[in-house]
Amino acid sequence: MAESQVPSLSVIESVLEREDGSYRDRGNSLDTKAGLILSAAGVIVALVGTTASIAAIVGQALAIAAGGAAVWVILPRVDKVIGPKELRDRHLSMDPVRTRLIVLNTRVVLHAKNEARLVTKAIRLRYASALLLGSAVAILMSGILRAAG
């Protein structure tokens, strides 16, 4: 098959390459934010310490849950890609344009799976953020109750 039969192949490949880079950047951003939530949760647990207030204990529990949710964001960091060895073994002697089309089609499918995984990570990050906010509110309430009492 001649490349002239598929004139936009290189354009589609370059767009997909940019999308793959964007996926990695967005995934790294979500992981960084989750790391900050995990750190903040640890700080909250450490600062509240062994305060006997029910609100403070609730705040600590929510902070621990936020930390767990943040880890839940970070852990499924798997970028699906085409294995170079498999690519070589299956396509080394094939027509280059046909191979590029097969690789392109495979990358499109993998891209869809990666995007779905990214959406899942973003939803989990929202849960972690909400739990951390709940923790901060509970600890604030503990301080207010302690000051009023």
N, C-alpha and C. Protein backbone atom coordinates (compact mmCIF):
# COMPACT_ATOMS: atom_id res chain seq x y z
N MET A 1 0.85 -1.17 0.00
CA MET A 1 0.00 0.00 0.00
C MET A 1 0.90 1.23 0.00
N ALA A 2 0.57 2.18 -0.83
CA ALA A 2 1.37 3.40 -0.94
C ALA A 2 0.83 4.45 0.02
N GLU A 3 1.75 5.27 0.52
CA GLU A 3 1.35 6.34 1.45
C GLU A 3 0.40 7.32 0.78
N SER A 4 0.47 7.44 -0.52
CA SER A 4 -0.43 8.35 -1.22
C SER A 4 -1.89 7.89 -1.13
N GLN A 5 -2.11 6.62 -0.83
CA GLN A 5 -3.46 6.10 -0.66
C GLN A 5 -4.07 6.53 0.68
N VAL A 6 -3.21 6.95 1.59
CA VAL A 6 -3.66 7.39 2.91
C VAL A 6 -3.00 8.75 3.19
N PRO A 7 -3.42 9.80 2.48
CA PRO A 7 -2.70 11.07 2.55
C PRO A 7 -2.70 11.74 3.92
N SER A 8 -3.69 11.50 4.75
CA SER A 8 -3.75 12.20 6.03
C SER A 8 -3.19 11.37 7.19
N LEU A 9 -2.55 10.28 6.89
CA LEU A 9 -2.03 9.40 7.94
C LEU A 9 -1.07 10.13 8.88
N SER A 10 -0.15 10.88 8.34
CA SER A 10 0.83 11.57 9.20
C SER A 10 0.16 12.65 10.04
N VAL A 11 -0.87 13.29 9.51
CA VAL A 11 -1.59 14.32 10.28
C VAL A 11 -2.29 13.66 11.47
N ILE A 12 -2.97 12.56 11.23
CA ILE A 12 -3.67 11.86 12.31
C ILE A 12 -2.69 11.34 13.35
N GLU A 13 -1.56 10.83 12.90
CA GLU A 13 -0.54 10.35 13.83
C GLU A 13 -0.03 11.48 14.72
N SER A 14 0.20 12.65 14.14
CA SER A 14 0.71 13.76 14.95
C SER A 14 -0.34 14.27 15.94
N VAL A 15 -1.60 14.28 15.55
CA VAL A 15 -2.67 14.67 16.48
C VAL A 15 -2.75 13.69 17.62
N LEU A 16 -2.68 12.41 17.31
CA LEU A 16 -2.73 11.39 18.36
C LEU A 16 -1.52 11.50 19.28
N GLU A 17 -0.38 11.83 18.73
CA GLU A 17 0.83 12.02 19.55
C GLU A 17 0.63 13.17 20.54
N ARG A 18 0.04 14.26 20.07
CA ARG A 18 -0.25 15.39 20.97
C ARG A 18 -1.26 15.00 22.04
N GLU A 19 -2.25 14.24 21.66
CA GLU A 19 -3.26 13.78 22.62
C GLU A 19 -2.64 12.88 23.68
N ASP A 20 -1.74 12.02 23.26
CA ASP A 20 -1.04 11.16 24.23
C ASP A 20 -0.23 11.98 25.21
N GLY A 21 0.43 13.03 24.71
CA GLY A 21 1.17 13.93 25.59
C GLY A 21 0.25 14.65 26.54
N SER A 22 -0.89 15.08 26.04
CA SER A 22 -1.88 15.76 26.88
C SER A 22 -2.38 14.82 27.97
N TYR A 23 -2.62 13.57 27.61
CA TYR A 23 -3.06 12.58 28.61
C TYR A 23 -2.03 12.47 29.73
N ARG A 24 -0.78 12.36 29.36
CA ARG A 24 0.27 12.22 30.37
C ARG A 24 0.33 13.46 31.27
N ASP A 25 0.22 14.64 30.67
CA ASP A 25 0.25 15.87 31.45
C ASP A 25 -0.93 15.94 32.42
N ARG A 26 -2.12 15.61 31.92
CA ARG A 26 -3.31 15.65 32.78
C ARG A 26 -3.24 14.59 33.88
N GLY A 27 -2.72 13.42 33.53
CA GLY A 27 -2.55 12.36 34.53
C GLY A 27 -1.56 12.78 35.61
N ASN A 28 -0.45 13.39 35.20
CA ASN A 28 0.53 13.88 36.17
C ASN A 28 -0.07 14.96 37.06
N SER A 29 -0.88 15.84 36.47
CA SER A 29 -1.52 16.89 37.24
C SER A 29 -2.46 16.32 38.30
N LEU A 30 -3.26 15.33 37.92
CA LEU A 30 -4.16 14.70 38.88
C LEU A 30 -3.37 14.00 39.99
N ASP A 31 -2.28 13.33 39.62
CA ASP A 31 -1.46 12.66 40.62
C ASP A 31 -0.82 13.66 41.58
N THR A 32 -0.38 14.80 41.06
CA THR A 32 0.20 15.84 41.91
C THR A 32 -0.83 16.38 42.90
N LYS A 33 -2.02 16.65 42.40
CA LYS A 33 -3.09 17.15 43.28
C LYS A 33 -3.45 16.11 44.34
N ALA A 34 -3.49 14.86 43.94
CA ALA A 34 -3.78 13.80 44.91
C ALA A 34 -2.66 13.71 45.95
N GLY A 35 -1.43 13.91 45.53
CA GLY A 35 -0.31 13.91 46.47
C GLY A 35 -0.42 15.04 47.48
N LEU A 36 -0.88 16.21 47.01
CA LEU A 36 -1.09 17.34 47.93
C LEU A 36 -2.19 17.03 48.93
N ILE A 37 -3.26 16.41 48.47
CA ILE A 37 -4.35 16.03 49.39
C ILE A 37 -3.85 15.01 50.40
N LEU A 38 -3.06 14.06 49.95
CA LEU A 38 -2.50 13.06 50.86
C LEU A 38 -1.62 13.72 51.91
N SER A 39 -0.80 14.67 51.49
CA SER A 39 0.06 15.40 52.43
C SER A 39 -0.77 16.21 53.42
N ALA A 40 -1.78 16.92 52.91
CA ALA A 40 -2.63 17.73 53.79
C ALA A 40 -3.36 16.84 54.79
N ALA A 41 -3.81 15.69 54.35
CA ALA A 41 -4.50 14.77 55.26
C ALA A 41 -3.55 14.32 56.38
N GLY A 42 -2.32 14.03 56.01
CA GLY A 42 -1.33 13.65 57.03
C GLY A 42 -1.06 14.76 58.02
N VAL A 43 -0.97 15.99 57.52
CA VAL A 43 -0.75 17.14 58.40
C VAL A 43 -1.93 17.31 59.36
N ILE A 44 -3.14 17.19 58.84
CA ILE A 44 -4.32 17.33 59.70
C ILE A 44 -4.33 16.27 60.79
N VAL A 45 -4.07 15.04 60.44
CA VAL A 45 -4.06 13.96 61.44
C VAL A 45 -3.00 14.24 62.49
N ALA A 46 -1.82 14.69 62.07
CA ALA A 46 -0.73 14.97 63.01
C ALA A 46 -1.05 16.16 63.90
N LEU A 47 -1.60 17.23 63.33
CA LEU A 47 -1.87 18.44 64.11
C LEU A 47 -2.99 18.26 65.12
N VAL A 48 -4.00 17.53 64.73
CA VAL A 48 -5.13 17.33 65.65
C VAL A 48 -4.70 16.42 66.80
N GLY A 49 -3.83 15.49 66.51
CA GLY A 49 -3.27 14.64 67.55
C GLY A 49 -4.32 13.82 68.27
N THR A 50 -4.25 13.86 69.57
CA THR A 50 -5.15 13.04 70.39
C THR A 50 -6.23 13.88 71.05
N THR A 51 -6.69 14.91 70.37
CA THR A 51 -7.76 15.75 70.90
C THR A 51 -8.98 14.88 71.16
N ALA A 52 -9.58 15.07 72.33
CA ALA A 52 -10.68 14.21 72.74
C ALA A 52 -12.02 14.63 72.15
N SER A 53 -12.08 15.75 71.51
CA SER A 53 -13.34 16.25 70.95
C SER A 53 -13.87 15.30 69.88
N ILE A 54 -15.18 15.06 69.92
CA ILE A 54 -15.81 14.21 68.90
C ILE A 54 -15.63 14.83 67.51
N ALA A 55 -15.82 16.14 67.41
CA ALA A 55 -15.66 16.81 66.10
C ALA A 55 -14.24 16.65 65.58
N ALA A 56 -13.24 16.73 66.47
CA ALA A 56 -11.85 16.57 66.04
C ALA A 56 -11.59 15.13 65.58
N ILE A 57 -12.17 14.18 66.27
CA ILE A 57 -12.01 12.77 65.88
C ILE A 57 -12.67 12.53 64.53
N VAL A 58 -13.84 13.13 64.33
CA VAL A 58 -14.51 13.02 63.03
C VAL A 58 -13.62 13.65 61.94
N GLY A 59 -13.03 14.81 62.26
CA GLY A 59 -12.13 15.46 61.32
C GLY A 59 -10.94 14.59 60.97
N GLN A 60 -10.38 13.94 61.97
CA GLN A 60 -9.25 13.03 61.70
C GLN A 60 -9.69 11.86 60.83
N ALA A 61 -10.85 11.31 61.15
CA ALA A 61 -11.35 10.17 60.36
C ALA A 61 -11.57 10.59 58.91
N LEU A 62 -12.14 11.77 58.72
CA LEU A 62 -12.34 12.25 57.35
C LEU A 62 -11.00 12.52 56.65
N ALA A 63 -10.01 13.02 57.40
CA ALA A 63 -8.68 13.25 56.82
C ALA A 63 -8.05 11.93 56.41
N ILE A 64 -8.20 10.92 57.24
CA ILE A 64 -7.67 9.59 56.88
C ILE A 64 -8.38 9.06 55.64
N ALA A 65 -9.70 9.24 55.58
CA ALA A 65 -10.45 8.82 54.40
C ALA A 65 -10.00 9.60 53.16
N ALA A 66 -9.74 10.90 53.33
CA ALA A 66 -9.25 11.72 52.21
C ALA A 66 -7.90 11.21 51.73
N GLY A 67 -7.03 10.86 52.68
CA GLY A 67 -5.72 10.31 52.30
C GLY A 67 -5.87 8.99 51.56
N GLY A 68 -6.78 8.14 52.04
CA GLY A 68 -7.03 6.88 51.33
C GLY A 68 -7.57 7.11 49.93
N ALA A 69 -8.48 8.07 49.81
CA ALA A 69 -9.04 8.39 48.49
C ALA A 69 -7.95 8.96 47.57
N ALA A 70 -7.03 9.74 48.13
CA ALA A 70 -5.94 10.29 47.33
C ALA A 70 -5.03 9.17 46.81
N VAL A 71 -4.77 8.20 47.66
CA VAL A 71 -3.98 7.05 47.20
C VAL A 71 -4.74 6.31 46.10
N TRP A 72 -6.06 6.23 46.23
CA TRP A 72 -6.92 5.59 45.24
C TRP A 72 -6.83 6.32 43.90
N VAL A 73 -6.56 7.63 43.94
CA VAL A 73 -6.36 8.40 42.70
C VAL A 73 -5.01 8.03 42.08
N ILE A 74 -3.98 7.98 42.90
CA ILE A 74 -2.61 7.81 42.41
C ILE A 74 -2.35 6.40 41.88
N LEU A 75 -2.88 5.39 42.57
CA LEU A 75 -2.50 4.01 42.26
C LEU A 75 -2.80 3.53 40.84
N PRO A 76 -3.94 3.80 40.24
CA PRO A 76 -4.14 3.20 38.92
C PRO A 76 -3.43 3.96 37.81
N ARG A 77 -2.15 4.26 38.00
CA ARG A 77 -1.40 5.02 36.99
C ARG A 77 -0.79 4.05 35.98
N VAL A 78 -1.58 3.67 35.02
CA VAL A 78 -1.10 2.77 33.99
C VAL A 78 -1.44 3.37 32.64
N ASP A 79 -0.43 3.69 31.87
CA ASP A 79 -0.65 4.15 30.50
C ASP A 79 -0.59 2.92 29.61
N LYS A 80 -1.65 2.67 28.93
CA LYS A 80 -1.66 1.56 27.99
C LYS A 80 -0.94 2.00 26.72
N VAL A 81 0.04 1.23 26.32
CA VAL A 81 0.80 1.54 25.11
C VAL A 81 1.04 0.25 24.34
N ILE A 82 1.50 0.40 23.12
CA ILE A 82 1.84 -0.76 22.30
C ILE A 82 3.24 -1.22 22.69
N GLY A 83 3.39 -2.49 22.98
CA GLY A 83 4.69 -3.03 23.36
C GLY A 83 5.63 -3.08 22.17
N PRO A 84 6.83 -2.51 22.30
CA PRO A 84 7.77 -2.49 21.17
C PRO A 84 8.17 -3.88 20.68
N LYS A 85 8.31 -4.82 21.59
CA LYS A 85 8.71 -6.17 21.18
C LYS A 85 7.61 -6.83 20.36
N GLU A 86 6.38 -6.68 20.83
CA GLU A 86 5.25 -7.24 20.09
C GLU A 86 5.12 -6.59 18.71
N LEU A 87 5.31 -5.28 18.68
CA LEU A 87 5.24 -4.55 17.42
C LEU A 87 6.31 -5.07 16.45
N ARG A 88 7.51 -5.21 16.95
CA ARG A 88 8.61 -5.71 16.11
C ARG A 88 8.31 -7.13 15.63
N ASP A 89 7.93 -8.00 16.56
CA ASP A 89 7.71 -9.40 16.21
C ASP A 89 6.59 -9.59 15.18
N ARG A 90 5.55 -8.81 15.30
CA ARG A 90 4.39 -8.99 14.41
C ARG A 90 4.51 -8.24 13.08
N HIS A 91 5.21 -7.11 13.07
CA HIS A 91 5.12 -6.23 11.92
C HIS A 91 6.45 -5.89 11.23
N LEU A 92 7.51 -6.50 11.63
CA LEU A 92 8.82 -6.14 11.08
C LEU A 92 8.87 -6.31 9.56
N SER A 93 8.26 -7.34 9.05
CA SER A 93 8.36 -7.60 7.60
C SER A 93 7.13 -7.12 6.82
N MET A 94 6.24 -6.40 7.48
CA MET A 94 5.03 -5.92 6.81
C MET A 94 5.29 -4.62 6.06
N ASP A 95 4.36 -4.29 5.19
CA ASP A 95 4.37 -3.03 4.47
C ASP A 95 4.30 -1.89 5.50
N PRO A 96 5.16 -0.86 5.38
CA PRO A 96 5.22 0.19 6.39
C PRO A 96 3.92 0.98 6.55
N VAL A 97 3.23 1.24 5.48
CA VAL A 97 1.98 2.01 5.59
C VAL A 97 0.92 1.17 6.29
N ARG A 98 0.85 -0.09 5.94
CA ARG A 98 -0.10 -1.00 6.61
C ARG A 98 0.22 -1.09 8.09
N THR A 99 1.48 -1.18 8.43
CA THR A 99 1.88 -1.23 9.83
C THR A 99 1.48 0.06 10.55
N ARG A 100 1.71 1.19 9.92
CA ARG A 100 1.32 2.47 10.53
C ARG A 100 -0.18 2.54 10.77
N LEU A 101 -0.96 2.02 9.83
CA LEU A 101 -2.42 2.00 10.00
C LEU A 101 -2.83 1.10 11.16
N ILE A 102 -2.21 -0.05 11.27
CA ILE A 102 -2.51 -0.97 12.38
C ILE A 102 -2.14 -0.32 13.71
N VAL A 103 -0.95 0.27 13.76
CA VAL A 103 -0.51 0.95 14.98
C VAL A 103 -1.45 2.11 15.32
N LEU A 104 -1.84 2.87 14.31
CA LEU A 104 -2.75 4.00 14.53
C LEU A 104 -4.08 3.51 15.11
N ASN A 105 -4.64 2.50 14.52
CA ASN A 105 -5.92 1.97 15.01
C ASN A 105 -5.79 1.44 16.44
N THR A 106 -4.69 0.79 16.74
CA THR A 106 -4.46 0.28 18.09
C THR A 106 -4.31 1.44 19.07
N ARG A 107 -3.58 2.47 18.67
CA ARG A 107 -3.39 3.63 19.55
C ARG A 107 -4.70 4.36 19.82
N VAL A 108 -5.59 4.40 18.84
CA VAL A 108 -6.89 5.05 19.04
C VAL A 108 -7.69 4.31 20.11
N VAL A 109 -7.68 2.98 20.05
CA VAL A 109 -8.38 2.18 21.06
C VAL A 109 -7.74 2.38 22.43
N LEU A 110 -6.42 2.35 22.50
CA LEU A 110 -5.72 2.55 23.77
C LEU A 110 -5.97 3.94 24.32
N HIS A 111 -6.03 4.93 23.43
CA HIS A 111 -6.29 6.30 23.85
C HIS A 111 -7.66 6.40 24.52
N ALA A 112 -8.65 5.75 23.97
CA ALA A 112 -9.99 5.77 24.57
C ALA A 112 -9.97 5.15 25.97
N LYS A 113 -9.24 4.06 26.13
CA LYS A 113 -9.13 3.42 27.45
C LYS A 113 -8.41 4.33 28.43
N ASN A 114 -7.34 4.98 27.98
CA ASN A 114 -6.59 5.90 28.85
C ASN A 114 -7.46 7.08 29.26
N GLU A 115 -8.24 7.61 28.33
CA GLU A 115 -9.12 8.74 28.66
C GLU A 115 -10.16 8.33 29.69
N ALA A 116 -10.72 7.14 29.55
CA ALA A 116 -11.70 6.66 30.52
C ALA A 116 -11.05 6.54 31.89
N ARG A 117 -9.82 6.06 31.93
CA ARG A 117 -9.09 5.94 33.19
C ARG A 117 -8.84 7.31 33.80
N LEU A 118 -8.57 8.30 32.97
CA LEU A 118 -8.33 9.65 33.45
C LEU A 118 -9.60 10.25 34.06
N VAL A 119 -10.73 10.01 33.45
CA VAL A 119 -12.00 10.49 34.01
C VAL A 119 -12.25 9.85 35.37
N THR A 120 -11.96 8.57 35.49
CA THR A 120 -12.12 7.88 36.78
C THR A 120 -11.21 8.50 37.83
N LYS A 121 -9.97 8.80 37.46
CA LYS A 121 -9.05 9.43 38.40
C LYS A 121 -9.56 10.80 38.85
N ALA A 122 -10.14 11.57 37.92
CA ALA A 122 -10.66 12.90 38.25
C ALA A 122 -11.84 12.79 39.22
N ILE A 123 -12.70 11.83 39.01
CA ILE A 123 -13.84 11.62 39.92
C ILE A 123 -13.33 11.25 41.30
N ARG A 124 -12.36 10.38 41.36
CA ARG A 124 -11.79 9.98 42.66
C ARG A 124 -11.14 11.17 43.35
N LEU A 125 -10.51 12.06 42.58
CA LEU A 125 -9.89 13.25 43.16
C LEU A 125 -10.96 14.15 43.78
N ARG A 126 -12.10 14.24 43.15
CA ARG A 126 -13.19 15.04 43.71
C ARG A 126 -13.63 14.47 45.05
N TYR A 127 -13.73 13.14 45.15
CA TYR A 127 -14.09 12.51 46.42
C TYR A 127 -13.05 12.84 47.50
N ALA A 128 -11.79 12.73 47.14
CA ALA A 128 -10.72 13.01 48.09
C ALA A 128 -10.77 14.47 48.54
N SER A 129 -11.03 15.37 47.61
CA SER A 129 -11.13 16.80 47.95
C SER A 129 -12.30 17.06 48.88
N ALA A 130 -13.44 16.45 48.60
CA ALA A 130 -14.62 16.64 49.43
C ALA A 130 -14.38 16.10 50.84
N LEU A 131 -13.72 14.97 50.94
CA LEU A 131 -13.41 14.41 52.26
C LEU A 131 -12.45 15.31 53.03
N LEU A 132 -11.47 15.86 52.35
CA LEU A 132 -10.53 16.77 53.01
C LEU A 132 -11.24 18.03 53.48
N LEU A 133 -12.12 18.56 52.66
CA LEU A 133 -12.91 19.73 53.06
C LEU A 133 -13.77 19.39 54.27
N GLY A 134 -14.41 18.24 54.25
CA GLY A 134 -15.21 17.82 55.41
C GLY A 134 -14.36 17.71 56.66
N SER A 135 -13.15 17.23 56.52
CA SER A 135 -12.24 17.13 57.64
C SER A 135 -11.92 18.51 58.21
N ALA A 136 -11.61 19.45 57.33
CA ALA A 136 -11.28 20.80 57.77
C ALA A 136 -12.48 21.45 58.47
N VAL A 137 -13.67 21.24 57.94
CA VAL A 137 -14.88 21.80 58.56
C VAL A 137 -15.10 21.19 59.95
N ALA A 138 -14.93 19.89 60.06
CA ALA A 138 -15.11 19.23 61.36
C ALA A 138 -14.10 19.74 62.38
N ILE A 139 -12.87 19.95 61.97
CA ILE A 139 -11.85 20.44 62.89
C ILE A 139 -12.13 21.90 63.25
N LEU A 140 -12.59 22.67 62.30
CA LEU A 140 -12.99 24.05 62.58
C LEU A 140 -14.13 24.08 63.61
N MET A 141 -15.09 23.21 63.41
CA MET A 141 -16.21 23.12 64.38
C MET A 141 -15.71 22.71 65.75
N SER A 142 -14.73 21.84 65.79
CA SER A 142 -14.15 21.42 67.07
C SER A 142 -13.52 22.61 67.77
N GLY A 143 -12.79 23.43 67.02
CA GLY A 143 -12.18 24.61 67.60
C GLY A 143 -13.22 25.61 68.09
N ILE A 144 -14.27 25.81 67.32
CA ILE A 144 -15.33 26.73 67.72
C ILE A 144 -16.02 26.24 68.99
N LEU A 145 -16.31 24.95 69.01
CA LEU A 145 -16.98 24.39 70.20
C LEU A 145 -16.07 24.47 71.45
N ARG A 146 -14.80 24.24 71.25
CA ARG A 146 -13.86 24.31 72.36
C ARG A 146 -13.74 25.76 72.89
N ALA A 147 -13.73 26.73 71.96
CA ALA A 147 -13.62 28.13 72.35
C ALA A 147 -14.91 28.61 73.03
N ALA A 148 -16.06 28.09 72.60
CA ALA A 148 -17.34 28.50 73.18
C ALA A 148 -17.58 27.82 74.52
N GLY A 149 -16.97 26.68 74.71
CA GLY A 149 -17.25 25.88 75.92
C GLY A 149 -16.36 26.21 77.01
